[in-house]
Full PDB file with SEQRES, HELIX, SHEET, SSBOND, CRYST1, ORIGX, SCALE, CONECT and MASTER records, all heavy atoms in Angstrom:
SEQRES   1 A   31  GLY ASN PHE SER GLY THR PRO GLY ALA PRO VAL GLY VAL          
SEQRES   2 A   31  HIS LEU HIS PHE SER ILE VAL ARG ASP ASP GLY GLU GLY          
SEQRES   3 A   31  HIS PHE LEU ASP GLU                                          
CRYST1    1.000    1.000    1.000  90.00  90.00  90.00 P 1           1          
ORIGX1      1.000000  0.000000  0.000000        0.00000                         
ORIGX2      0.000000  1.000000  0.000000        0.00000                         
ORIGX3      0.000000  0.000000  1.000000        0.00000                         
SCALE1      1.000000  0.000000  0.000000        0.00000                         
SCALE2      0.000000  1.000000  0.000000        0.00000                         
SCALE3      0.000000  0.000000  1.000000        0.00000                         
ATOM      1  N   GLY A   1       9.704 -12.299 -17.995  1.00  0.00           N  
ATOM      2  CA  GLY A   1       8.500 -12.252 -18.783  1.00  0.00           C  
ATOM      3  C   GLY A   1       8.630 -11.601 -20.074  1.00  0.00           C  
ATOM      4  O   GLY A   1       9.712 -11.238 -20.489  1.00  0.00           O  
ATOM      5  N   ASN A   2       7.445 -11.295 -20.689  1.00  0.00           N  
ATOM      6  CA  ASN A   2       7.474 -10.636 -21.970  1.00  0.00           C  
ATOM      7  C   ASN A   2       6.336  -9.635 -22.101  1.00  0.00           C  
ATOM      8  O   ASN A   2       5.915  -9.341 -23.234  1.00  0.00           O  
ATOM      9  CB  ASN A   2       7.441 -11.681 -23.139  1.00  0.00           C  
ATOM     10  CG  ASN A   2       6.323 -12.690 -23.029  1.00  0.00           C  
ATOM     11  OD1 ASN A   2       5.519 -12.602 -22.041  1.00  0.00           O  
ATOM     12  ND2 ASN A   2       6.164 -13.457 -24.045  1.00  0.00           N  
ATOM     13  N   PHE A   3       5.914  -9.082 -21.077  1.00  0.00           N  
ATOM     14  CA  PHE A   3       4.861  -8.072 -21.054  1.00  0.00           C  
ATOM     15  C   PHE A   3       5.469  -6.668 -21.540  1.00  0.00           C  
ATOM     16  O   PHE A   3       6.436  -6.208 -21.052  1.00  0.00           O  
ATOM     17  CB  PHE A   3       4.239  -7.824 -19.690  1.00  0.00           C  
ATOM     18  CG  PHE A   3       3.183  -6.860 -19.615  1.00  0.00           C  
ATOM     19  CD1 PHE A   3       2.060  -7.031 -20.437  1.00  0.00           C  
ATOM     20  CD2 PHE A   3       3.211  -5.806 -18.690  1.00  0.00           C  
ATOM     21  CE1 PHE A   3       0.989  -6.173 -20.339  1.00  0.00           C  
ATOM     22  CE2 PHE A   3       2.115  -4.904 -18.651  1.00  0.00           C  
ATOM     23  CZ  PHE A   3       1.070  -5.092 -19.450  1.00  0.00           C  
ATOM     24  N   SER A   4       4.744  -6.176 -22.582  1.00  0.00           N  
ATOM     25  CA  SER A   4       5.294  -4.938 -23.242  1.00  0.00           C  
ATOM     26  C   SER A   4       4.631  -3.698 -22.658  1.00  0.00           C  
ATOM     27  O   SER A   4       5.115  -2.620 -23.034  1.00  0.00           O  
ATOM     28  CB  SER A   4       5.016  -5.012 -24.728  1.00  0.00           C  
ATOM     29  OG  SER A   4       3.556  -4.922 -24.972  1.00  0.00           O  
ATOM     30  N   GLY A   5       3.719  -3.875 -21.893  1.00  0.00           N  
ATOM     31  CA  GLY A   5       2.859  -2.744 -21.332  1.00  0.00           C  
ATOM     32  C   GLY A   5       1.559  -2.656 -22.078  1.00  0.00           C  
ATOM     33  O   GLY A   5       0.640  -1.991 -21.609  1.00  0.00           O  
ATOM     34  N   THR A   6       1.480  -3.401 -23.166  1.00  0.00           N  
ATOM     35  CA  THR A   6       0.119  -3.547 -23.850  1.00  0.00           C  
ATOM     36  C   THR A   6      -0.270  -4.937 -23.940  1.00  0.00           C  
ATOM     37  O   THR A   6       0.383  -5.799 -24.550  1.00  0.00           O  
ATOM     38  CB  THR A   6       0.291  -2.986 -25.335  1.00  0.00           C  
ATOM     39  OG1 THR A   6       0.682  -1.640 -25.422  1.00  0.00           O  
ATOM     40  CG2 THR A   6      -1.049  -3.122 -26.113  1.00  0.00           C  
ATOM     41  N   PRO A   7      -1.321  -5.346 -23.248  1.00  0.00           N  
ATOM     42  CA  PRO A   7      -1.752  -6.735 -23.217  1.00  0.00           C  
ATOM     43  C   PRO A   7      -1.907  -7.311 -24.600  1.00  0.00           C  
ATOM     44  O   PRO A   7      -2.501  -6.711 -25.463  1.00  0.00           O  
ATOM     45  CB  PRO A   7      -3.070  -6.677 -22.460  1.00  0.00           C  
ATOM     46  CG  PRO A   7      -2.967  -5.532 -21.605  1.00  0.00           C  
ATOM     47  CD  PRO A   7      -2.193  -4.493 -22.414  1.00  0.00           C  
ATOM     48  N   GLY A   8      -1.415  -8.547 -24.806  1.00  0.00           N  
ATOM     49  CA  GLY A   8      -1.461  -9.191 -26.057  1.00  0.00           C  
ATOM     50  C   GLY A   8      -0.475  -8.909 -27.111  1.00  0.00           C  
ATOM     51  O   GLY A   8      -0.585  -9.322 -28.240  1.00  0.00           O  
ATOM     52  N   ALA A   9       0.466  -8.000 -26.775  1.00  0.00           N  
ATOM     53  CA  ALA A   9       1.477  -7.544 -27.758  1.00  0.00           C  
ATOM     54  C   ALA A   9       2.831  -7.754 -27.084  1.00  0.00           C  
ATOM     55  O   ALA A   9       3.547  -6.834 -26.730  1.00  0.00           O  
ATOM     56  CB  ALA A   9       1.358  -6.087 -28.104  1.00  0.00           C  
ATOM     57  N   PRO A  10       3.282  -9.034 -26.921  1.00  0.00           N  
ATOM     58  CA  PRO A  10       4.475  -9.333 -26.074  1.00  0.00           C  
ATOM     59  C   PRO A  10       5.747  -8.962 -26.859  1.00  0.00           C  
ATOM     60  O   PRO A  10       5.782  -8.871 -28.057  1.00  0.00           O  
ATOM     61  CB  PRO A  10       4.311 -10.842 -25.859  1.00  0.00           C  
ATOM     62  CG  PRO A  10       3.553 -11.349 -27.138  1.00  0.00           C  
ATOM     63  CD  PRO A  10       2.574 -10.242 -27.448  1.00  0.00           C  
ATOM     64  N   VAL A  11       6.822  -8.837 -25.976  1.00  0.00           N  
ATOM     65  CA  VAL A  11       8.157  -8.621 -26.490  1.00  0.00           C  
ATOM     66  C   VAL A  11       8.833 -10.031 -26.240  1.00  0.00           C  
ATOM     67  O   VAL A  11       8.178 -11.010 -25.724  1.00  0.00           O  
ATOM     68  CB  VAL A  11       8.921  -7.559 -25.835  1.00  0.00           C  
ATOM     69  CG1 VAL A  11       8.273  -6.223 -26.125  1.00  0.00           C  
ATOM     70  CG2 VAL A  11       8.853  -7.758 -24.339  1.00  0.00           C  
ATOM     71  N   GLY A  12      10.053 -10.110 -26.598  1.00  0.00           N  
ATOM     72  CA  GLY A  12      10.789 -11.373 -26.283  1.00  0.00           C  
ATOM     73  C   GLY A  12      10.979 -11.480 -24.802  1.00  0.00           C  
ATOM     74  O   GLY A  12      11.084 -10.507 -24.111  1.00  0.00           O  
ATOM     75  N   VAL A  13      11.002 -12.804 -24.349  1.00  0.00           N  
ATOM     76  CA  VAL A  13      11.156 -13.014 -22.865  1.00  0.00           C  
ATOM     77  C   VAL A  13      12.518 -12.560 -22.423  1.00  0.00           C  
ATOM     78  O   VAL A  13      13.576 -13.080 -22.896  1.00  0.00           O  
ATOM     79  CB  VAL A  13      10.966 -14.486 -22.548  1.00  0.00           C  
ATOM     80  CG1 VAL A  13      11.142 -14.677 -21.087  1.00  0.00           C  
ATOM     81  CG2 VAL A  13       9.547 -14.931 -22.938  1.00  0.00           C  
ATOM     82  N   HIS A  14      12.531 -11.580 -21.585  1.00  0.00           N  
ATOM     83  CA  HIS A  14      13.812 -11.099 -21.039  1.00  0.00           C  
ATOM     84  C   HIS A  14      13.634 -10.227 -19.751  1.00  0.00           C  
ATOM     85  O   HIS A  14      12.518  -9.870 -19.402  1.00  0.00           O  
ATOM     86  CB  HIS A  14      14.519 -10.256 -22.078  1.00  0.00           C  
ATOM     87  CG  HIS A  14      13.894  -8.862 -22.384  1.00  0.00           C  
ATOM     88  ND1 HIS A  14      12.731  -8.766 -23.025  1.00  0.00           N  
ATOM     89  CD2 HIS A  14      14.306  -7.609 -22.016  1.00  0.00           C  
ATOM     90  CE1 HIS A  14      12.423  -7.435 -23.182  1.00  0.00           C  
ATOM     91  NE2 HIS A  14      13.409  -6.761 -22.574  1.00  0.00           N  
ATOM     92  N   LEU A  15      14.727  -9.920 -19.127  1.00  0.00           N  
ATOM     93  CA  LEU A  15      14.807  -8.993 -17.984  1.00  0.00           C  
ATOM     94  C   LEU A  15      15.366  -7.617 -18.532  1.00  0.00           C  
ATOM     95  O   LEU A  15      16.481  -7.678 -19.116  1.00  0.00           O  
ATOM     96  CB  LEU A  15      15.602  -9.447 -16.862  1.00  0.00           C  
ATOM     97  CG  LEU A  15      15.999  -8.384 -15.825  1.00  0.00           C  
ATOM     98  CD1 LEU A  15      14.663  -7.999 -15.022  1.00  0.00           C  
ATOM     99  CD2 LEU A  15      17.096  -8.851 -14.803  1.00  0.00           C  
ATOM    100  N   HIS A  16      14.704  -6.525 -18.395  1.00  0.00           N  
ATOM    101  CA  HIS A  16      15.338  -5.197 -18.611  1.00  0.00           C  
ATOM    102  C   HIS A  16      15.814  -4.708 -17.283  1.00  0.00           C  
ATOM    103  O   HIS A  16      15.063  -4.542 -16.353  1.00  0.00           O  
ATOM    104  CB  HIS A  16      14.406  -4.233 -19.194  1.00  0.00           C  
ATOM    105  CG  HIS A  16      14.954  -2.828 -19.372  1.00  0.00           C  
ATOM    106  ND1 HIS A  16      15.717  -2.438 -20.453  1.00  0.00           N  
ATOM    107  CD2 HIS A  16      14.896  -1.809 -18.557  1.00  0.00           C  
ATOM    108  CE1 HIS A  16      16.103  -1.231 -20.298  1.00  0.00           C  
ATOM    109  NE2 HIS A  16      15.616  -0.805 -19.150  1.00  0.00           N  
ATOM    110  N   PHE A  17      17.100  -4.392 -17.200  1.00  0.00           N  
ATOM    111  CA  PHE A  17      17.762  -3.952 -15.913  1.00  0.00           C  
ATOM    112  C   PHE A  17      18.492  -2.638 -16.211  1.00  0.00           C  
ATOM    113  O   PHE A  17      19.188  -2.561 -17.233  1.00  0.00           O  
ATOM    114  CB  PHE A  17      18.776  -4.994 -15.447  1.00  0.00           C  
ATOM    115  CG  PHE A  17      19.547  -4.531 -14.279  1.00  0.00           C  
ATOM    116  CD1 PHE A  17      19.169  -4.844 -13.036  1.00  0.00           C  
ATOM    117  CD2 PHE A  17      20.820  -3.898 -14.483  1.00  0.00           C  
ATOM    118  CE1 PHE A  17      19.919  -4.464 -11.878  1.00  0.00           C  
ATOM    119  CE2 PHE A  17      21.554  -3.482 -13.446  1.00  0.00           C  
ATOM    120  CZ  PHE A  17      21.107  -3.761 -12.137  1.00  0.00           C  
ATOM    121  N   SER A  18      18.324  -1.685 -15.311  1.00  0.00           N  
ATOM    122  CA  SER A  18      19.061  -0.436 -15.516  1.00  0.00           C  
ATOM    123  C   SER A  18      19.411   0.176 -14.092  1.00  0.00           C  
ATOM    124  O   SER A  18      18.852  -0.224 -13.129  1.00  0.00           O  
ATOM    125  CB  SER A  18      18.304   0.593 -16.318  1.00  0.00           C  
ATOM    126  OG  SER A  18      17.016   0.886 -15.646  1.00  0.00           O  
ATOM    127  N   ILE A  19      20.376   1.017 -14.197  1.00  0.00           N  
ATOM    128  CA  ILE A  19      20.859   1.703 -12.911  1.00  0.00           C  
ATOM    129  C   ILE A  19      20.448   3.131 -13.016  1.00  0.00           C  
ATOM    130  O   ILE A  19      20.823   3.873 -13.959  1.00  0.00           O  
ATOM    131  CB  ILE A  19      22.418   1.646 -12.832  1.00  0.00           C  
ATOM    132  CG1 ILE A  19      22.860   0.127 -12.727  1.00  0.00           C  
ATOM    133  CG2 ILE A  19      22.827   2.266 -11.444  1.00  0.00           C  
ATOM    134  CD1 ILE A  19      24.335  -0.037 -12.858  1.00  0.00           C  
ATOM    135  N   VAL A  20      19.544   3.574 -12.191  1.00  0.00           N  
ATOM    136  CA  VAL A  20      18.873   4.914 -12.274  1.00  0.00           C  
ATOM    137  C   VAL A  20      19.420   5.843 -11.299  1.00  0.00           C  
ATOM    138  O   VAL A  20      19.642   5.593 -10.085  1.00  0.00           O  
ATOM    139  CB  VAL A  20      17.334   4.662 -12.135  1.00  0.00           C  
ATOM    140  CG1 VAL A  20      16.530   5.989 -12.339  1.00  0.00           C  
ATOM    141  CG2 VAL A  20      16.791   3.565 -12.942  1.00  0.00           C  
ATOM    142  N   ARG A  21      19.532   7.074 -11.708  1.00  0.00           N  
ATOM    143  CA  ARG A  21      20.044   8.213 -10.815  1.00  0.00           C  
ATOM    144  C   ARG A  21      18.914   8.653  -9.901  1.00  0.00           C  
ATOM    145  O   ARG A  21      17.765   8.577 -10.170  1.00  0.00           O  
ATOM    146  CB  ARG A  21      20.429   9.363 -11.811  1.00  0.00           C  
ATOM    147  CG  ARG A  21      21.644   9.103 -12.633  1.00  0.00           C  
ATOM    148  CD  ARG A  21      21.971  10.364 -13.525  1.00  0.00           C  
ATOM    149  NE  ARG A  21      22.974  10.114 -14.439  1.00  0.00           N  
ATOM    150  CZ  ARG A  21      24.290  10.393 -14.199  1.00  0.00           C  
ATOM    151  NH1 ARG A  21      24.704  10.846 -12.973  1.00  0.00           N  
ATOM    152  NH2 ARG A  21      25.199  10.188 -15.132  1.00  0.00           N  
ATOM    153  N   ASP A  22      19.375   9.191  -8.808  1.00  0.00           N  
ATOM    154  CA  ASP A  22      18.589   9.806  -7.861  1.00  0.00           C  
ATOM    155  C   ASP A  22      18.340  11.276  -8.127  1.00  0.00           C  
ATOM    156  O   ASP A  22      19.293  11.860  -8.703  1.00  0.00           O  
ATOM    157  CB  ASP A  22      19.149   9.659  -6.391  1.00  0.00           C  
ATOM    158  CG  ASP A  22      18.247  10.037  -5.315  1.00  0.00           C  
ATOM    159  OD1 ASP A  22      17.441   9.180  -4.824  1.00  0.00           O  
ATOM    160  OD2 ASP A  22      18.235  11.191  -4.870  1.00  0.00           O  
ATOM    161  N   ASP A  23      17.239  11.897  -7.827  1.00  0.00           N  
ATOM    162  CA  ASP A  23      17.012  13.275  -8.135  1.00  0.00           C  
ATOM    163  C   ASP A  23      17.667  14.228  -7.143  1.00  0.00           C  
ATOM    164  O   ASP A  23      17.499  15.493  -7.226  1.00  0.00           O  
ATOM    165  CB  ASP A  23      15.550  13.636  -8.253  1.00  0.00           C  
ATOM    166  CG  ASP A  23      14.765  13.500  -7.000  1.00  0.00           C  
ATOM    167  OD1 ASP A  23      15.300  13.171  -5.975  1.00  0.00           O  
ATOM    168  OD2 ASP A  23      13.545  13.846  -7.012  1.00  0.00           O  
ATOM    169  N   GLY A  24      18.316  13.614  -6.149  1.00  0.00           N  
ATOM    170  CA  GLY A  24      18.943  14.500  -5.097  1.00  0.00           C  
ATOM    171  C   GLY A  24      18.072  14.771  -3.880  1.00  0.00           C  
ATOM    172  O   GLY A  24      18.492  15.249  -2.872  1.00  0.00           O  
ATOM    173  N   GLU A  25      16.801  14.271  -4.037  1.00  0.00           N  
ATOM    174  CA  GLU A  25      15.767  14.528  -2.995  1.00  0.00           C  
ATOM    175  C   GLU A  25      15.174  13.204  -2.555  1.00  0.00           C  
ATOM    176  O   GLU A  25      14.095  13.067  -1.918  1.00  0.00           O  
ATOM    177  CB  GLU A  25      14.722  15.447  -3.436  1.00  0.00           C  
ATOM    178  CG  GLU A  25      15.280  16.811  -3.732  1.00  0.00           C  
ATOM    179  CD  GLU A  25      14.171  17.816  -4.174  1.00  0.00           C  
ATOM    180  OE1 GLU A  25      13.012  17.409  -4.179  1.00  0.00           O  
ATOM    181  OE2 GLU A  25      14.515  19.008  -4.313  1.00  0.00           O  
ATOM    182  N   GLY A  26      15.870  12.069  -2.889  1.00  0.00           N  
ATOM    183  CA  GLY A  26      15.397  10.805  -2.424  1.00  0.00           C  
ATOM    184  C   GLY A  26      14.402  10.062  -3.422  1.00  0.00           C  
ATOM    185  O   GLY A  26      13.777   9.105  -2.979  1.00  0.00           O  
ATOM    186  N   HIS A  27      14.309  10.516  -4.668  1.00  0.00           N  
ATOM    187  CA  HIS A  27      13.402   9.911  -5.578  1.00  0.00           C  
ATOM    188  C   HIS A  27      14.191   9.509  -6.869  1.00  0.00           C  
ATOM    189  O   HIS A  27      15.189  10.114  -7.217  1.00  0.00           O  
ATOM    190  CB  HIS A  27      12.220  10.912  -6.005  1.00  0.00           C  
ATOM    191  CG  HIS A  27      11.625  11.523  -4.879  1.00  0.00           C  
ATOM    192  ND1 HIS A  27      11.833  12.833  -4.449  1.00  0.00           N  
ATOM    193  CD2 HIS A  27      10.654  10.998  -4.009  1.00  0.00           C  
ATOM    194  CE1 HIS A  27      11.077  13.107  -3.431  1.00  0.00           C  
ATOM    195  NE2 HIS A  27      10.342  12.017  -3.078  1.00  0.00           N  
ATOM    196  N   PHE A  28      13.678   8.439  -7.486  1.00  0.00           N  
ATOM    197  CA  PHE A  28      14.340   8.022  -8.799  1.00  0.00           C  
ATOM    198  C   PHE A  28      13.745   8.836  -9.932  1.00  0.00           C  
ATOM    199  O   PHE A  28      12.677   9.321  -9.919  1.00  0.00           O  
ATOM    200  CB  PHE A  28      14.067   6.488  -9.017  1.00  0.00           C  
ATOM    201  CG  PHE A  28      12.616   6.103  -8.978  1.00  0.00           C  
ATOM    202  CD1 PHE A  28      11.826   6.141 -10.145  1.00  0.00           C  
ATOM    203  CD2 PHE A  28      12.042   5.604  -7.759  1.00  0.00           C  
ATOM    204  CE1 PHE A  28      10.652   5.750 -10.113  1.00  0.00           C  
ATOM    205  CE2 PHE A  28      10.665   5.217  -7.767  1.00  0.00           C  
ATOM    206  CZ  PHE A  28       9.982   5.289  -8.976  1.00  0.00           C  
ATOM    207  N   LEU A  29      14.701   8.942 -10.798  1.00  0.00           N  
ATOM    208  CA  LEU A  29      14.334   9.726 -12.107  1.00  0.00           C  
ATOM    209  C   LEU A  29      13.755   8.756 -13.091  1.00  0.00           C  
ATOM    210  O   LEU A  29      13.679   7.648 -12.873  1.00  0.00           O  
ATOM    211  CB  LEU A  29      15.634  10.382 -12.691  1.00  0.00           C  
ATOM    212  CG  LEU A  29      16.248  11.500 -11.873  1.00  0.00           C  
ATOM    213  CD1 LEU A  29      17.581  11.920 -12.427  1.00  0.00           C  
ATOM    214  CD2 LEU A  29      15.343  12.688 -11.700  1.00  0.00           C  
ATOM    215  N   ASP A  30      13.261   9.342 -14.237  1.00  0.00           N  
ATOM    216  CA  ASP A  30      12.543   8.568 -15.228  1.00  0.00           C  
ATOM    217  C   ASP A  30      13.526   7.633 -15.998  1.00  0.00           C  
ATOM    218  O   ASP A  30      14.375   8.174 -16.744  1.00  0.00           O  
ATOM    219  CB  ASP A  30      11.875   9.518 -16.261  1.00  0.00           C  
ATOM    220  CG  ASP A  30      10.938   8.836 -17.259  1.00  0.00           C  
ATOM    221  OD1 ASP A  30      11.138   7.591 -17.422  1.00  0.00           O  
ATOM    222  OD2 ASP A  30      10.211   9.472 -17.873  1.00  0.00           O  
ATOM    223  N   GLU A  31      13.387   6.331 -15.747  1.00  0.00           N  
ATOM    224  CA  GLU A  31      14.347   5.414 -16.327  1.00  0.00           C  
ATOM    225  C   GLU A  31      14.308   5.366 -17.864  1.00  0.00           C  
ATOM    226  O   GLU A  31      15.281   4.898 -18.424  1.00  0.00           O  
ATOM    227  CB  GLU A  31      13.973   3.994 -15.758  1.00  0.00           C  
ATOM    228  CG  GLU A  31      14.882   2.875 -16.200  1.00  0.00           C  
ATOM    229  CD  GLU A  31      14.517   2.169 -17.425  1.00  0.00           C  
ATOM    230  OE1 GLU A  31      13.436   2.375 -17.900  1.00  0.00           O  
ATOM    231  OE2 GLU A  31      15.351   1.483 -17.992  1.00  0.00           O  
TER     232      GLU A  31                                                      
MASTER        0    0    0    0    0    0    0    6  231    1    0    3          
END                                                                             
């Protein structure tokens, strides 16, 4: 899709994919 986080202000249609580190206590960090 192309949702930017702000309705009505789209980005180009794409997938953003990332590999996120764990905080060592079973939670993901801020991507």
